[in-house]
Amino acid sequence: MGKENLKKYIDADNCPVRNVLDRFGDKWSTLIILILGESKVLRFNELQNAIGTISQKMLTVTLKKLEADDLVNRTIYPQIPPKVEYNLTERGKSLLPHIQNIVAWANENMEGIKQSRMSI
């Protein structure tokens, strides 16, 4: 790859790789996408319980970001108490196989990675 080709990564606002990975490459987004991919539809508390170690505030912030990128859909049912459900949008579903490939790669390589880390 020539140095000219590397210029496309410099502009953070217009670089698709940076822009997209910044949005769902955080600690929680990928996990939320995977969980919703397996469960199809979950309420807020069910999603929080499935993750276990995420705060209510962080889950709210992460879901709003995923919703803003049209990866997650939020459905509010007008009842008392309010019922809110989350599921993947078509865009989120289209991302799921790519994340699952990363999960498969991680599962195949985790032991070797752990050993490499111990040798440093």
PDB file of N, CA and C in Angstrom:
ATOM      1  N   MET A   1       0.863  -1.176   0.000  1.00  0.00           N
ATOM      2  CA  MET A   1       0.000   0.000   0.000  1.00  0.00           C
ATOM      3  C   MET A   1       0.903   1.231   0.000  1.00  0.00           C
ATOM      4  N   GLY A   2       0.710   2.110  -0.961  1.00  0.00           N
ATOM      5  CA  GLY A   2       1.511   3.320  -1.045  1.00  0.00           C
ATOM      6  C   GLY A   2       1.079   4.346  -0.024  1.00  0.00           C
ATOM      7  N   LYS A   3       1.959   5.293   0.223  1.00  0.00           N
ATOM      8  CA  LYS A   3       1.673   6.332   1.216  1.00  0.00           C
ATOM      9  C   LYS A   3       0.489   7.192   0.813  1.00  0.00           C
ATOM     10  N   GLU A   4       0.249   7.336  -0.478  1.00  0.00           N
ATOM     11  CA  GLU A   4      -0.904   8.119  -0.952  1.00  0.00           C
ATOM     12  C   GLU A   4      -2.217   7.496  -0.472  1.00  0.00           C
ATOM     13  N   ASN A   5      -2.271   6.181  -0.453  1.00  0.00           N
ATOM     14  CA  ASN A   5      -3.480   5.485  -0.006  1.00  0.00           C
ATOM     15  C   ASN A   5      -3.758   5.690   1.480  1.00  0.00           C
ATOM     16  N   LEU A   6      -2.731   6.006   2.246  1.00  0.00           N
ATOM     17  CA  LEU A   6      -2.898   6.179   3.691  1.00  0.00           C
ATOM     18  C   LEU A   6      -3.565   7.496   4.052  1.00  0.00           C
ATOM     19  N   LYS A   7      -3.592   8.443   3.139  1.00  0.00           N
ATOM     20  CA  LYS A   7      -4.183   9.758   3.423  1.00  0.00           C
ATOM     21  C   LYS A   7      -5.675   9.669   3.729  1.00  0.00           C
ATOM     22  N   LYS A   8      -6.329   8.642   3.222  1.00  0.00           N
ATOM     23  CA  LYS A   8      -7.773   8.512   3.452  1.00  0.00           C
ATOM     24  C   LYS A   8      -8.113   8.308   4.928  1.00  0.00           C
ATOM     25  N   TYR A   9      -7.135   7.919   5.746  1.00  0.00           N
ATOM     26  CA  TYR A   9      -7.376   7.683   7.163  1.00  0.00           C
ATOM     27  C   TYR A   9      -7.149   8.916   8.032  1.00  0.00           C
ATOM     28  N   ILE A  10      -6.566   9.967   7.465  1.00  0.00           N
ATOM     29  CA  ILE A  10      -6.188  11.150   8.237  1.00  0.00           C
ATOM     30  C   ILE A  10      -7.394  11.954   8.703  1.00  0.00           C
ATOM     31  N   ASP A  11      -8.370  12.149   7.827  1.00  0.00           N
ATOM     32  CA  ASP A  11      -9.534  12.975   8.131  1.00  0.00           C
ATOM     33  C   ASP A  11     -10.553  12.165   8.938  1.00  0.00           C
ATOM     34  N   ALA A  12     -10.525  12.318  10.250  1.00  0.00           N
ATOM     35  CA  ALA A  12     -11.377  11.511  11.133  1.00  0.00           C
ATOM     36  C   ALA A  12     -12.862  11.671  10.839  1.00  0.00           C
ATOM     37  N   ASP A  13     -13.301  12.874  10.478  1.00  0.00           N
ATOM     38  CA  ASP A  13     -14.727  13.107  10.235  1.00  0.00           C
ATOM     39  C   ASP A  13     -15.231  12.413   8.978  1.00  0.00           C
ATOM     40  N   ASN A  14     -14.364  12.234   7.986  1.00  0.00           N
ATOM     41  CA  ASN A  14     -14.785  11.664   6.709  1.00  0.00           C
ATOM     42  C   ASN A  14     -14.256  10.262   6.455  1.00  0.00           C
ATOM     43  N   CYS A  15     -13.500   9.718   7.374  1.00  0.00           N
ATOM     44  CA  CYS A  15     -12.968   8.364   7.226  1.00  0.00           C
ATOM     45  C   CYS A  15     -14.041   7.372   7.690  1.00  0.00           C
ATOM     46  N   PRO A  16     -14.591   6.567   6.780  1.00  0.00           N
ATOM     47  CA  PRO A  16     -15.639   5.620   7.178  1.00  0.00           C
ATOM     48  C   PRO A  16     -15.195   4.659   8.267  1.00  0.00           C
ATOM     49  N   VAL A  17     -13.959   4.194   8.196  1.00  0.00           N
ATOM     50  CA  VAL A  17     -13.482   3.236   9.190  1.00  0.00           C
ATOM     51  C   VAL A  17     -13.486   3.860  10.579  1.00  0.00           C
ATOM     52  N   ARG A  18     -12.880   5.023  10.724  1.00  0.00           N
ATOM     53  CA  ARG A  18     -12.857   5.702  12.030  1.00  0.00           C
ATOM     54  C   ARG A  18     -14.259   6.034  12.505  1.00  0.00           C
ATOM     55  N   ASN A  19     -15.046   6.584  11.602  1.00  0.00           N
ATOM     56  CA  ASN A  19     -16.380   7.058  11.949  1.00  0.00           C
ATOM     57  C   ASN A  19     -17.259   5.923  12.461  1.00  0.00           C
ATOM     58  N   VAL A  20     -17.269   4.818  11.756  1.00  0.00           N
ATOM     59  CA  VAL A  20     -18.125   3.698  12.154  1.00  0.00           C
ATOM     60  C   VAL A  20     -17.579   2.993  13.384  1.00  0.00           C
ATOM     61  N   LEU A  21     -16.277   2.717  13.400  1.00  0.00           N
ATOM     62  CA  LEU A  21     -15.720   2.009  14.554  1.00  0.00           C
ATOM     63  C   LEU A  21     -15.797   2.830  15.829  1.00  0.00           C
ATOM     64  N   ASP A  22     -15.709   4.151  15.713  1.00  0.00           N
ATOM     65  CA  ASP A  22     -15.869   4.999  16.899  1.00  0.00           C
ATOM     66  C   ASP A  22     -17.254   4.841  17.507  1.00  0.00           C
ATOM     67  N   ARG A  23     -18.249   4.578  16.687  1.00  0.00           N
ATOM     68  CA  ARG A  23     -19.621   4.486  17.174  1.00  0.00           C
ATOM     69  C   ARG A  23     -19.939   3.144  17.823  1.00  0.00           C
ATOM     70  N   PHE A  24     -19.519   2.044  17.225  1.00  0.00           N
ATOM     71  CA  PHE A  24     -19.887   0.767  17.830  1.00  0.00           C
ATOM     72  C   PHE A  24     -18.680  -0.014  18.336  1.00  0.00           C
ATOM     73  N   GLY A  25     -17.509   0.583  18.290  1.00  0.00           N
ATOM     74  CA  GLY A  25     -16.314  -0.095  18.753  1.00  0.00           C
ATOM     75  C   GLY A  25     -16.001   0.132  20.217  1.00  0.00           C
ATOM     76  N   ASP A  26     -16.935   0.671  20.972  1.00  0.00           N
ATOM     77  CA  ASP A  26     -16.697   0.894  22.396  1.00  0.00           C
ATOM     78  C   ASP A  26     -16.888  -0.414  23.176  1.00  0.00           C
ATOM     79  N   LYS A  27     -16.819  -0.309  24.461  1.00  0.00           N
ATOM     80  CA  LYS A  27     -16.875  -1.488  25.329  1.00  0.00           C
ATOM     81  C   LYS A  27     -18.216  -2.221  25.270  1.00  0.00           C
ATOM     82  N   TRP A  28     -19.317  -1.492  25.053  1.00  0.00           N
ATOM     83  CA  TRP A  28     -20.641  -2.085  25.217  1.00  0.00           C
ATOM     84  C   TRP A  28     -21.431  -2.297  23.931  1.00  0.00           C
ATOM     85  N   SER A  29     -21.234  -1.488  22.934  1.00  0.00           N
ATOM     86  CA  SER A  29     -22.085  -1.529  21.737  1.00  0.00           C
ATOM     87  C   SER A  29     -22.082  -2.886  21.046  1.00  0.00           C
ATOM     88  N   THR A  30     -20.901  -3.446  20.849  1.00  0.00           N
ATOM     89  CA  THR A  30     -20.807  -4.742  20.174  1.00  0.00           C
ATOM     90  C   THR A  30     -21.544  -5.812  20.970  1.00  0.00           C
ATOM     91  N   LEU A  31     -21.391  -5.791  22.272  1.00  0.00           N
ATOM     92  CA  LEU A  31     -22.071  -6.763  23.127  1.00  0.00           C
ATOM     93  C   LEU A  31     -23.590  -6.603  23.040  1.00  0.00           C
ATOM     94  N   ILE A  32     -24.065  -5.366  23.037  1.00  0.00           N
ATOM     95  CA  ILE A  32     -25.508  -5.114  22.914  1.00  0.00           C
ATOM     96  C   ILE A  32     -26.020  -5.635  21.578  1.00  0.00           C
ATOM     97  N   ILE A  33     -25.286  -5.396  20.508  1.00  0.00           N
ATOM     98  CA  ILE A  33     -25.700  -5.877  19.186  1.00  0.00           C
ATOM     99  C   ILE A  33     -25.749  -7.405  19.178  1.00  0.00           C
ATOM    100  N   LEU A  34     -24.751  -8.054  19.756  1.00  0.00           N
ATOM    101  CA  LEU A  34     -24.743  -9.521  19.816  1.00  0.00           C
ATOM    102  C   LEU A  34     -25.922 -10.064  20.624  1.00  0.00           C
ATOM    103  N   ILE A  35     -26.175  -9.470  21.767  1.00  0.00           N
ATOM    104  CA  ILE A  35     -27.266  -9.934  22.635  1.00  0.00           C
ATOM    105  C   ILE A  35     -28.612  -9.741  21.950  1.00  0.00           C
ATOM    106  N   LEU A  36     -28.824  -8.575  21.337  1.00  0.00           N
ATOM    107  CA  LEU A  36     -30.087  -8.347  20.627  1.00  0.00           C
ATOM    108  C   LEU A  36     -30.203  -9.252  19.402  1.00  0.00           C
ATOM    109  N   GLY A  37     -29.081  -9.594  18.801  1.00  0.00           N
ATOM    110  CA  GLY A  37     -29.100 -10.519  17.669  1.00  0.00           C
ATOM    111  C   GLY A  37     -29.565 -11.909  18.077  1.00  0.00           C
ATOM    112  N   GLU A  38     -29.219 -12.326  19.268  1.00  0.00           N
ATOM    113  CA  GLU A  38     -29.629 -13.640  19.774  1.00  0.00           C
ATOM    114  C   GLU A  38     -31.039 -13.618  20.352  1.00  0.00           C
ATOM    115  N   SER A  39     -31.389 -12.526  21.021  1.00  0.00           N
ATOM    116  CA  SER A  39     -32.662 -12.471  21.744  1.00  0.00           C
ATOM    117  C   SER A  39     -33.804 -11.873  20.933  1.00  0.00           C
ATOM    118  N   LYS A  40     -33.475 -11.197  19.853  1.00  0.00           N
ATOM    119  CA  LYS A  40     -34.436 -10.534  18.961  1.00  0.00           C
ATOM    120  C   LYS A  40     -35.028  -9.269  19.585  1.00  0.00           C
ATOM    121  N   VAL A  41     -35.751  -9.382  20.712  1.00  0.00           N
ATOM    122  CA  VAL A  41     -36.375  -8.228  21.363  1.00  0.00           C
ATOM    123  C   VAL A  41     -36.155  -8.337  22.866  1.00  0.00           C
ATOM    124  N   LEU A  42     -35.688  -7.240  23.461  1.00  0.00           N
ATOM    125  CA  LEU A  42     -35.503  -7.220  24.911  1.00  0.00           C
ATOM    126  C   LEU A  42     -35.953  -5.885  25.480  1.00  0.00           C
ATOM    127  N   ARG A  43     -36.444  -5.939  26.704  1.00  0.00           N
ATOM    128  CA  ARG A  43     -36.726  -4.720  27.445  1.00  0.00           C
ATOM    129  C   ARG A  43     -35.427  -4.237  28.078  1.00  0.00           C
ATOM    130  N   PHE A  44     -35.420  -2.987  28.533  1.00  0.00           N
ATOM    131  CA  PHE A  44     -34.217  -2.367  29.076  1.00  0.00           C
ATOM    132  C   PHE A  44     -33.608  -3.216  30.184  1.00  0.00           C
ATOM    133  N   ASN A  45     -34.418  -3.593  31.176  1.00  0.00           N
ATOM    134  CA  ASN A  45     -33.914  -4.363  32.319  1.00  0.00           C
ATOM    135  C   ASN A  45     -33.411  -5.742  31.901  1.00  0.00           C
ATOM    136  N   GLU A  46     -34.063  -6.349  30.917  1.00  0.00           N
ATOM    137  CA  GLU A  46     -33.608  -7.648  30.427  1.00  0.00           C
ATOM    138  C   GLU A  46     -32.233  -7.521  29.768  1.00  0.00           C
ATOM    139  N   LEU A  47     -32.061  -6.453  29.015  1.00  0.00           N
ATOM    140  CA  LEU A  47     -30.782  -6.199  28.369  1.00  0.00           C
ATOM    141  C   LEU A  47     -29.696  -5.933  29.406  1.00  0.00           C
ATOM    142  N   GLN A  48     -30.022  -5.122  30.402  1.00  0.00           N
ATOM    143  CA  GLN A  48     -29.064  -4.826  31.474  1.00  0.00           C
ATOM    144  C   GLN A  48     -28.686  -6.096  32.233  1.00  0.00           C
ATOM    145  N   ASN A  49     -29.660  -6.937  32.519  1.00  0.00           N
ATOM    146  CA  ASN A  49     -29.390  -8.194  33.227  1.00  0.00           C
ATOM    147  C   ASN A  49     -28.555  -9.154  32.378  1.00  0.00           C
ATOM    148  N   ALA A  50     -28.772  -9.150  31.061  1.00  0.00           N
ATOM    149  CA  ALA A  50     -28.012 -10.022  30.164  1.00  0.00           C
ATOM    150  C   ALA A  50     -26.540  -9.622  30.134  1.00  0.00           C
ATOM    151  N   ILE A  51     -26.270  -8.328  30.263  1.00  0.00           N
ATOM    152  CA  ILE A  51     -24.885  -7.838  30.262  1.00  0.00           C
ATOM    153  C   ILE A  51     -24.279  -7.996  31.650  1.00  0.00           C
ATOM    154  N   GLY A  52     -25.030  -7.607  32.661  1.00  0.00           N
ATOM    155  CA  GLY A  52     -24.593  -7.811  34.042  1.00  0.00           C
ATOM    156  C   GLY A  52     -23.742  -6.706  34.630  1.00  0.00           C
ATOM    157  N   THR A  53     -22.760  -6.217  33.908  1.00  0.00           N
ATOM    158  CA  THR A  53     -21.802  -5.280  34.500  1.00  0.00           C
ATOM    159  C   THR A  53     -21.909  -3.869  33.941  1.00  0.00           C
ATOM    160  N   ILE A  54     -23.007  -3.539  33.319  1.00  0.00           N
ATOM    161  CA  ILE A  54     -23.181  -2.206  32.746  1.00  0.00           C
ATOM    162  C   ILE A  54     -24.115  -1.390  33.637  1.00  0.00           C
ATOM    163  N   SER A  55     -23.767  -0.129  33.831  1.00  0.00           N
ATOM    164  CA  SER A  55     -24.634   0.738  34.626  1.00  0.00           C
ATOM    165  C   SER A  55     -25.853   1.153  33.796  1.00  0.00           C
ATOM    166  N   GLN A  56     -26.885   1.580  34.488  1.00  0.00           N
ATOM    167  CA  GLN A  56     -28.099   2.032  33.817  1.00  0.00           C
ATOM    168  C   GLN A  56     -27.782   3.217  32.912  1.00  0.00           C
ATOM    169  N   LYS A  57     -26.971   4.152  33.406  1.00  0.00           N
ATOM    170  CA  LYS A  57     -26.623   5.331  32.622  1.00  0.00           C
ATOM    171  C   LYS A  57     -25.853   4.958  31.359  1.00  0.00           C
ATOM    172  N   MET A  58     -24.864   4.067  31.484  1.00  0.00           N
ATOM    173  CA  MET A  58     -24.062   3.673  30.325  1.00  0.00           C
ATOM    174  C   MET A  58     -24.897   2.918  29.309  1.00  0.00           C
ATOM    175  N   LEU A  59     -25.816   2.080  29.774  1.00  0.00           N
ATOM    176  CA  LEU A  59     -26.698   1.363  28.861  1.00  0.00           C
ATOM    177  C   LEU A  59     -27.581   2.345  28.111  1.00  0.00           C
ATOM    178  N   THR A  60     -28.116   3.332  28.814  1.00  0.00           N
ATOM    179  CA  THR A  60     -28.956   4.356  28.175  1.00  0.00           C
ATOM    180  C   THR A  60     -28.177   5.117  27.113  1.00  0.00           C
ATOM    181  N   VAL A  61     -26.979   5.567  27.454  1.00  0.00           N
ATOM    182  CA  VAL A  61     -26.142   6.338  26.521  1.00  0.00           C
ATOM    183  C   VAL A  61     -25.795   5.488  25.297  1.00  0.00           C
ATOM    184  N   THR A  62     -25.412   4.246  25.525  1.00  0.00           N
ATOM    185  CA  THR A  62     -25.019   3.366  24.428  1.00  0.00           C
ATOM    186  C   THR A  62     -26.198   3.056  23.515  1.00  0.00           C
ATOM    187  N   LEU A  63     -27.364   2.779  24.097  1.00  0.00           N
ATOM    188  CA  LEU A  63     -28.550   2.511  23.285  1.00  0.00           C
ATOM    189  C   LEU A  63     -28.933   3.730  22.443  1.00  0.00           C
ATOM    190  N   LYS A  64     -28.799   4.930  23.006  1.00  0.00           N
ATOM    191  CA  LYS A  64     -29.118   6.145  22.242  1.00  0.00           C
ATOM    192  C   LYS A  64     -28.177   6.307  21.050  1.00  0.00           C
ATOM    193  N   LYS A  65     -26.901   6.009  21.239  1.00  0.00           N
ATOM    194  CA  LYS A  65     -25.946   6.087  20.128  1.00  0.00           C
ATOM    195  C   LYS A  65     -26.279   5.066  19.051  1.00  0.00           C
ATOM    196  N   LEU A  66     -26.578   3.852  19.467  1.00  0.00           N
ATOM    197  CA  LEU A  66     -26.928   2.808  18.501  1.00  0.00           C
ATOM    198  C   LEU A  66     -28.229   3.132  17.778  1.00  0.00           C
ATOM    199  N   GLU A  67     -29.157   3.746  18.485  1.00  0.00           N
ATOM    200  CA  GLU A  67     -30.416   4.162  17.875  1.00  0.00           C
ATOM    201  C   GLU A  67     -30.180   5.297  16.879  1.00  0.00           C
ATOM    202  N   ALA A  68     -29.298   6.234  17.226  1.00  0.00           N
ATOM    203  CA  ALA A  68     -28.996   7.362  16.341  1.00  0.00           C
ATOM    204  C   ALA A  68     -28.378   6.897  15.023  1.00  0.00           C
ATOM    205  N   ASP A  69     -27.638   5.785  15.058  1.00  0.00           N
ATOM    206  CA  ASP A  69     -27.025   5.233  13.851  1.00  0.00           C
ATOM    207  C   ASP A  69     -27.918   4.212  13.160  1.00  0.00           C
ATOM    208  N   ASP A  70     -29.151   4.099  13.614  1.00  0.00           N
ATOM    209  CA  ASP A  70     -30.125   3.167  13.050  1.00  0.00           C
ATOM    210  C   ASP A  70     -29.639   1.716  13.109  1.00  0.00           C
ATOM    211  N   LEU A  71     -28.990   1.371  14.206  1.00  0.00           N
ATOM    212  CA  LEU A  71     -28.582  -0.012  14.434  1.00  0.00           C
ATOM    213  C   LEU A  71     -29.550  -0.716  15.379  1.00  0.00           C
ATOM    214  N   VAL A  72     -30.159   0.068  16.271  1.00  0.00           N
ATOM    215  CA  VAL A  72     -31.113  -0.448  17.255  1.00  0.00           C
ATOM    216  C   VAL A  72     -32.394   0.359  17.167  1.00  0.00           C
ATOM    217  N   ASN A  73     -33.489  -0.341  17.288  1.00  0.00           N
ATOM    218  CA  ASN A  73     -34.805   0.290  17.274  1.00  0.00           C
ATOM    219  C   ASN A  73     -35.370   0.280  18.691  1.00  0.00           C
ATOM    220  N   ARG A  74     -35.964   1.383  19.088  1.00  0.00           N
ATOM    221  CA  ARG A  74     -36.589   1.519  20.402  1.00  0.00           C
ATOM    222  C   ARG A  74     -38.083   1.683  20.194  1.00  0.00           C
ATOM    223  N   THR A  75     -38.870   0.801  20.793  1.00  0.00           N
ATOM    224  CA  THR A  75     -40.325   0.855  20.668  1.00  0.00           C
ATOM    225  C   THR A  75     -40.926   1.127  22.037  1.00  0.00           C
ATOM    226  N   ILE A  76     -41.716   2.191  22.118  1.00  0.00           N
ATOM    227  CA  ILE A  76     -42.370   2.571  23.370  1.00  0.00           C
ATOM    228  C   ILE A  76     -43.847   2.208  23.258  1.00  0.00           C
ATOM    229  N   TYR A  77     -44.339   1.464  24.242  1.00  0.00           N
ATOM    230  CA  TYR A  77     -45.755   1.100  24.280  1.00  0.00           C
ATOM    231  C   TYR A  77     -46.459   1.994  25.286  1.00  0.00           C
ATOM    232  N   PRO A  78     -47.546   2.656  24.854  1.00  0.00           N
ATOM    233  CA  PRO A  78     -48.252   3.591  25.737  1.00  0.00           C
ATOM    234  C   PRO A  78     -49.108   2.857  26.778  1.00  0.00           C
ATOM    235  N   GLN A  79     -48.469   2.499  27.857  1.00  0.00           N
ATOM    236  CA  GLN A  79     -49.178   1.824  28.946  1.00  0.00           C
ATOM    237  C   GLN A  79     -48.529   2.232  30.256  1.00  0.00           C
ATOM    238  N   ILE A  80     -49.177   1.869  31.345  1.00  0.00           N
ATOM    239  CA  ILE A  80     -48.639   2.197  32.663  1.00  0.00           C
ATOM    240  C   ILE A  80     -48.388   0.891  33.398  1.00  0.00           C
ATOM    241  N   PRO A  81     -47.175   0.633  33.857  1.00  0.00           N
ATOM    242  CA  PRO A  81     -45.966   1.428  33.641  1.00  0.00           C
ATOM    243  C   PRO A  81     -45.520   1.344  32.182  1.00  0.00           C
ATOM    244  N   PRO A  82     -44.753   2.327  31.733  1.00  0.00           N
ATOM    245  CA  PRO A  82     -44.317   2.337  30.336  1.00  0.00           C
ATOM    246  C   PRO A  82     -43.519   1.075  29.984  1.00  0.00           C
ATOM    247  N   LYS A  83     -43.721   0.596  28.789  1.00  0.00           N
ATOM    248  CA  LYS A  83     -43.006  -0.577  28.309  1.00  0.00           C
ATOM    249  C   LYS A  83     -42.162  -0.140  27.115  1.00  0.00           C
ATOM    250  N   VAL A  84     -40.866  -0.395  27.181  1.00  0.00           N
ATOM    251  CA  VAL A  84     -39.945  -0.036  26.112  1.00  0.00           C
ATOM    252  C   VAL A  84     -39.185  -1.294  25.710  1.00  0.00           C
ATOM    253  N   GLU A  85     -39.149  -1.565  24.417  1.00  0.00           N
ATOM    254  CA  GLU A  85     -38.434  -2.733  23.914  1.00  0.00           C
ATOM    255  C   GLU A  85     -37.384  -2.293  22.893  1.00  0.00           C
ATOM    256  N   TYR A  86     -36.317  -3.073  22.815  1.00  0.00           N
ATOM    257  CA  TYR A  86     -35.226  -2.801  21.883  1.00  0.00           C
ATOM    258  C   TYR A  86     -35.004  -4.018  20.992  1.00  0.00           C
ATOM    259  N   ASN A  87     -34.734  -3.751  19.735  1.00  0.00           N
ATOM    260  CA  ASN A  87     -34.385  -4.801  18.793  1.00  0.00           C
ATOM    261  C   ASN A  87     -33.463  -4.219  17.719  1.00  0.00           C
ATOM    262  N   LEU A  88     -32.816  -5.105  16.974  1.00  0.00           N
ATOM    263  CA  LEU A  88     -31.940  -4.646  15.904  1.00  0.00           C
ATOM    264  C   LEU A  88     -32.759  -4.186  14.709  1.00  0.00           C
ATOM    265  N   THR A  89     -32.307  -3.122  14.074  1.00  0.00           N
ATOM    266  CA  THR A  89     -32.893  -2.678  12.815  1.00  0.00           C
ATOM    267  C   THR A  89     -32.305  -3.535  11.693  1.00  0.00           C
ATOM    268  N   GLU A  90     -32.734  -3.305  10.474  1.00  0.00           N
ATOM    269  CA  GLU A  90     -32.161  -4.021   9.332  1.00  0.00           C
ATOM    270  C   GLU A  90     -30.664  -3.717   9.217  1.00  0.00           C
ATOM    271  N   ARG A  91     -30.284  -2.475   9.473  1.00  0.00           N
ATOM    272  CA  ARG A  91     -28.858  -2.113   9.428  1.00  0.00           C
ATOM    273  C   ARG A  91     -28.093  -2.862  10.519  1.00  0.00           C
ATOM    274  N   GLY A  92     -28.669  -2.931  11.707  1.00  0.00           N
ATOM    275  CA  GLY A  92     -28.040  -3.672  12.799  1.00  0.00           C
ATOM    276  C   GLY A  92     -27.909  -5.146  12.468  1.00  0.00           C
ATOM    277  N   LYS A  93     -28.945  -5.709  11.870  1.00  0.00           N
ATOM    278  CA  LYS A  93     -28.903  -7.123  11.462  1.00  0.00           C
ATOM    279  C   LYS A  93     -27.835  -7.348  10.401  1.00  0.00           C
ATOM    280  N   SER A  94     -27.632  -6.367   9.525  1.00  0.00           N
ATOM    281  CA  SER A  94     -26.617  -6.528   8.482  1.00  0.00           C
ATOM    282  C   SER A  94     -25.202  -6.466   9.061  1.00  0.00           C
ATOM    283  N   LEU A  95     -25.035  -5.823  10.211  1.00  0.00           N
ATOM    284  CA  LEU A  95     -23.744  -5.751  10.881  1.00  0.00           C
ATOM    285  C   LEU A  95     -23.451  -7.021  11.682  1.00  0.00           C
ATOM    286  N   LEU A  96     -24.490  -7.669  12.140  1.00  0.00           N
ATOM    287  CA  LEU A  96     -24.355  -8.824  13.035  1.00  0.00           C
ATOM    288  C   LEU A  96     -23.428  -9.917  12.507  1.00  0.00           C
ATOM    289  N   PRO A  97     -23.523 -10.357  11.248  1.00  0.00           N
ATOM    290  CA  PRO A  97     -22.609 -11.417  10.790  1.00  0.00           C
ATOM    291  C   PRO A  97     -21.141 -11.010  10.861  1.00  0.00           C
ATOM    292  N   HIS A  98     -20.851  -9.747  10.646  1.00  0.00           N
ATOM    293  CA  HIS A  98     -19.465  -9.270  10.719  1.00  0.00           C
ATOM    294  C   HIS A  98     -18.953  -9.335  12.160  1.00  0.00           C
ATOM    295  N   ILE A  99     -19.807  -8.950  13.098  1.00  0.00           N
ATOM    296  CA  ILE A  99     -19.424  -9.033  14.514  1.00  0.00           C
ATOM    297  C   ILE A  99     -19.273 -10.493  14.920  1.00  0.00           C
ATOM    298  N   GLN A 100     -20.158 -11.351  14.427  1.00  0.00           N
ATOM    299  CA  GLN A 100     -20.062 -12.772  14.749  1.00  0.00           C
ATOM    300  C   GLN A 100     -18.769 -13.374  14.202  1.00  0.00           C
ATOM    301  N   ASN A 101     -18.298 -12.883  13.056  1.00  0.00           N
ATOM    302  CA  ASN A 101     -17.012 -13.334  12.521  1.00  0.00           C
ATOM    303  C   ASN A 101     -15.866 -12.931  13.445  1.00  0.00           C
ATOM    304  N   ILE A 102     -15.948 -11.722  13.994  1.00  0.00           N
ATOM    305  CA  ILE A 102     -14.926 -11.273  14.949  1.00  0.00           C
ATOM    306  C   ILE A 102     -14.975 -12.126  16.212  1.00  0.00           C
ATOM    307  N   VAL A 103     -16.179 -12.462  16.664  1.00  0.00           N
ATOM    308  CA  VAL A 103     -16.338 -13.316  17.841  1.00  0.00           C
ATOM    309  C   VAL A 103     -15.706 -14.689  17.573  1.00  0.00           C
ATOM    310  N   ALA A 104     -15.970 -15.252  16.402  1.00  0.00           N
ATOM    311  CA  ALA A 104     -15.387 -16.551  16.052  1.00  0.00           C
ATOM    312  C   ALA A 104     -13.859 -16.466  16.023  1.00  0.00           C
ATOM    313  N   TRP A 105     -13.333 -15.386  15.440  1.00  0.00           N
ATOM    314  CA  TRP A 105     -11.890 -15.191  15.395  1.00  0.00           C
ATOM    315  C   TRP A 105     -11.321 -15.085  16.813  1.00  0.00           C
ATOM    316  N   ALA A 106     -12.009 -14.326  17.669  1.00  0.00           N
ATOM    317  CA  ALA A 106     -11.562 -14.155  19.055  1.00  0.00           C
ATOM    318  C   ALA A 106     -11.555 -15.494  19.788  1.00  0.00           C
ATOM    319  N   ASN A 107     -12.599 -16.285  19.602  1.00  0.00           N
ATOM    320  CA  ASN A 107     -12.662 -17.595  20.256  1.00  0.00           C
ATOM    321  C   ASN A 107     -11.536 -18.508  19.788  1.00  0.00           C
ATOM    322  N   GLU A 108     -11.224 -18.461  18.493  1.00  0.00           N
ATOM    323  CA  GLU A 108     -10.156 -19.297  17.938  1.00  0.00           C
ATOM    324  C   GLU A 108      -8.770 -18.853  18.404  1.00  0.00           C
ATOM    325  N   ASN A 109      -8.601 -17.576  18.662  1.00  0.00           N
ATOM    326  CA  ASN A 109      -7.272 -17.027  18.932  1.00  0.00           C
ATOM    327  C   ASN A 109      -7.028 -16.604  20.377  1.00  0.00           C
ATOM    328  N   MET A 110      -8.034 -16.663  21.240  1.00  0.00           N
ATOM    329  CA  MET A 110      -7.898 -16.124  22.586  1.00  0.00           C
ATOM    330  C   MET A 110      -6.784 -16.795  23.380  1.00  0.00           C
ATOM    331  N   GLU A 111      -6.690 -18.101  23.287  1.00  0.00           N
ATOM    332  CA  GLU A 111      -5.661 -18.804  24.055  1.00  0.00           C
ATOM    333  C   GLU A 111      -4.266 -18.357  23.629  1.00  0.00           C
ATOM    334  N   GLY A 112      -4.031 -18.264  22.339  1.00  0.00           N
ATOM    335  CA  GLY A 112      -2.736 -17.797  21.840  1.00  0.00           C
ATOM    336  C   GLY A 112      -2.457 -16.357  22.223  1.00  0.00           C
ATOM    337  N   ILE A 113      -3.494 -15.537  22.197  1.00  0.00           N
ATOM    338  CA  ILE A 113      -3.340 -14.135  22.606  1.00  0.00           C
ATOM    339  C   ILE A 113      -2.959 -14.039  24.082  1.00  0.00           C
ATOM    340  N   LYS A 114      -3.619 -14.838  24.915  1.00  0.00           N
ATOM    341  CA  LYS A 114      -3.280 -14.846  26.350  1.00  0.00           C
ATOM    342  C   LYS A 114      -1.831 -15.247  26.553  1.00  0.00           C
ATOM    343  N   GLN A 115      -1.386 -16.251  25.832  1.00  0.00           N
ATOM    344  CA  GLN A 115       0.000 -16.695  25.961  1.00  0.00           C
ATOM    345  C   GLN A 115       0.961 -15.603  25.492  1.00  0.00           C
ATOM    346  N   SER A 116       0.633 -14.939  24.415  1.00  0.00           N
ATOM    347  CA  SER A 116       1.487 -13.848  23.917  1.00  0.00           C
ATOM    348  C   SER A 116       1.570 -12.725  24.925  1.00  0.00           C
ATOM    349  N   ARG A 117       0.468 -12.412  25.560  1.00  0.00           N
ATOM    350  CA  ARG A 117       0.451 -11.334  26.551  1.00  0.00           C
ATOM    351  C   ARG A 117       1.315 -11.679  27.761  1.00  0.00           C
ATOM    352  N   MET A 118       1.325 -12.931  28.126  1.00  0.00           N
ATOM    353  CA  MET A 118       2.102 -13.356  29.286  1.00  0.00           C
ATOM    354  C   MET A 118       3.605 -13.288  29.004  1.00  0.00           C
ATOM    355  N   SER A 119       3.978 -13.363  27.739  1.00  0.00           N
ATOM    356  CA  SER A 119       5.406 -13.367  27.406  1.00  0.00           C
ATOM    357  C   SER A 119       5.991 -11.960  27.286  1.00  0.00           C
ATOM    358  N   ILE A 120       5.151 -10.956  27.435  1.00  0.00           N
ATOM    359  CA  ILE A 120       5.650  -9.571  27.319  1.00  0.00           C
ATOM    360  C   ILE A 120       6.055  -9.058  28.679  1.00  0.00           C
TER     361      ILE A 120
END
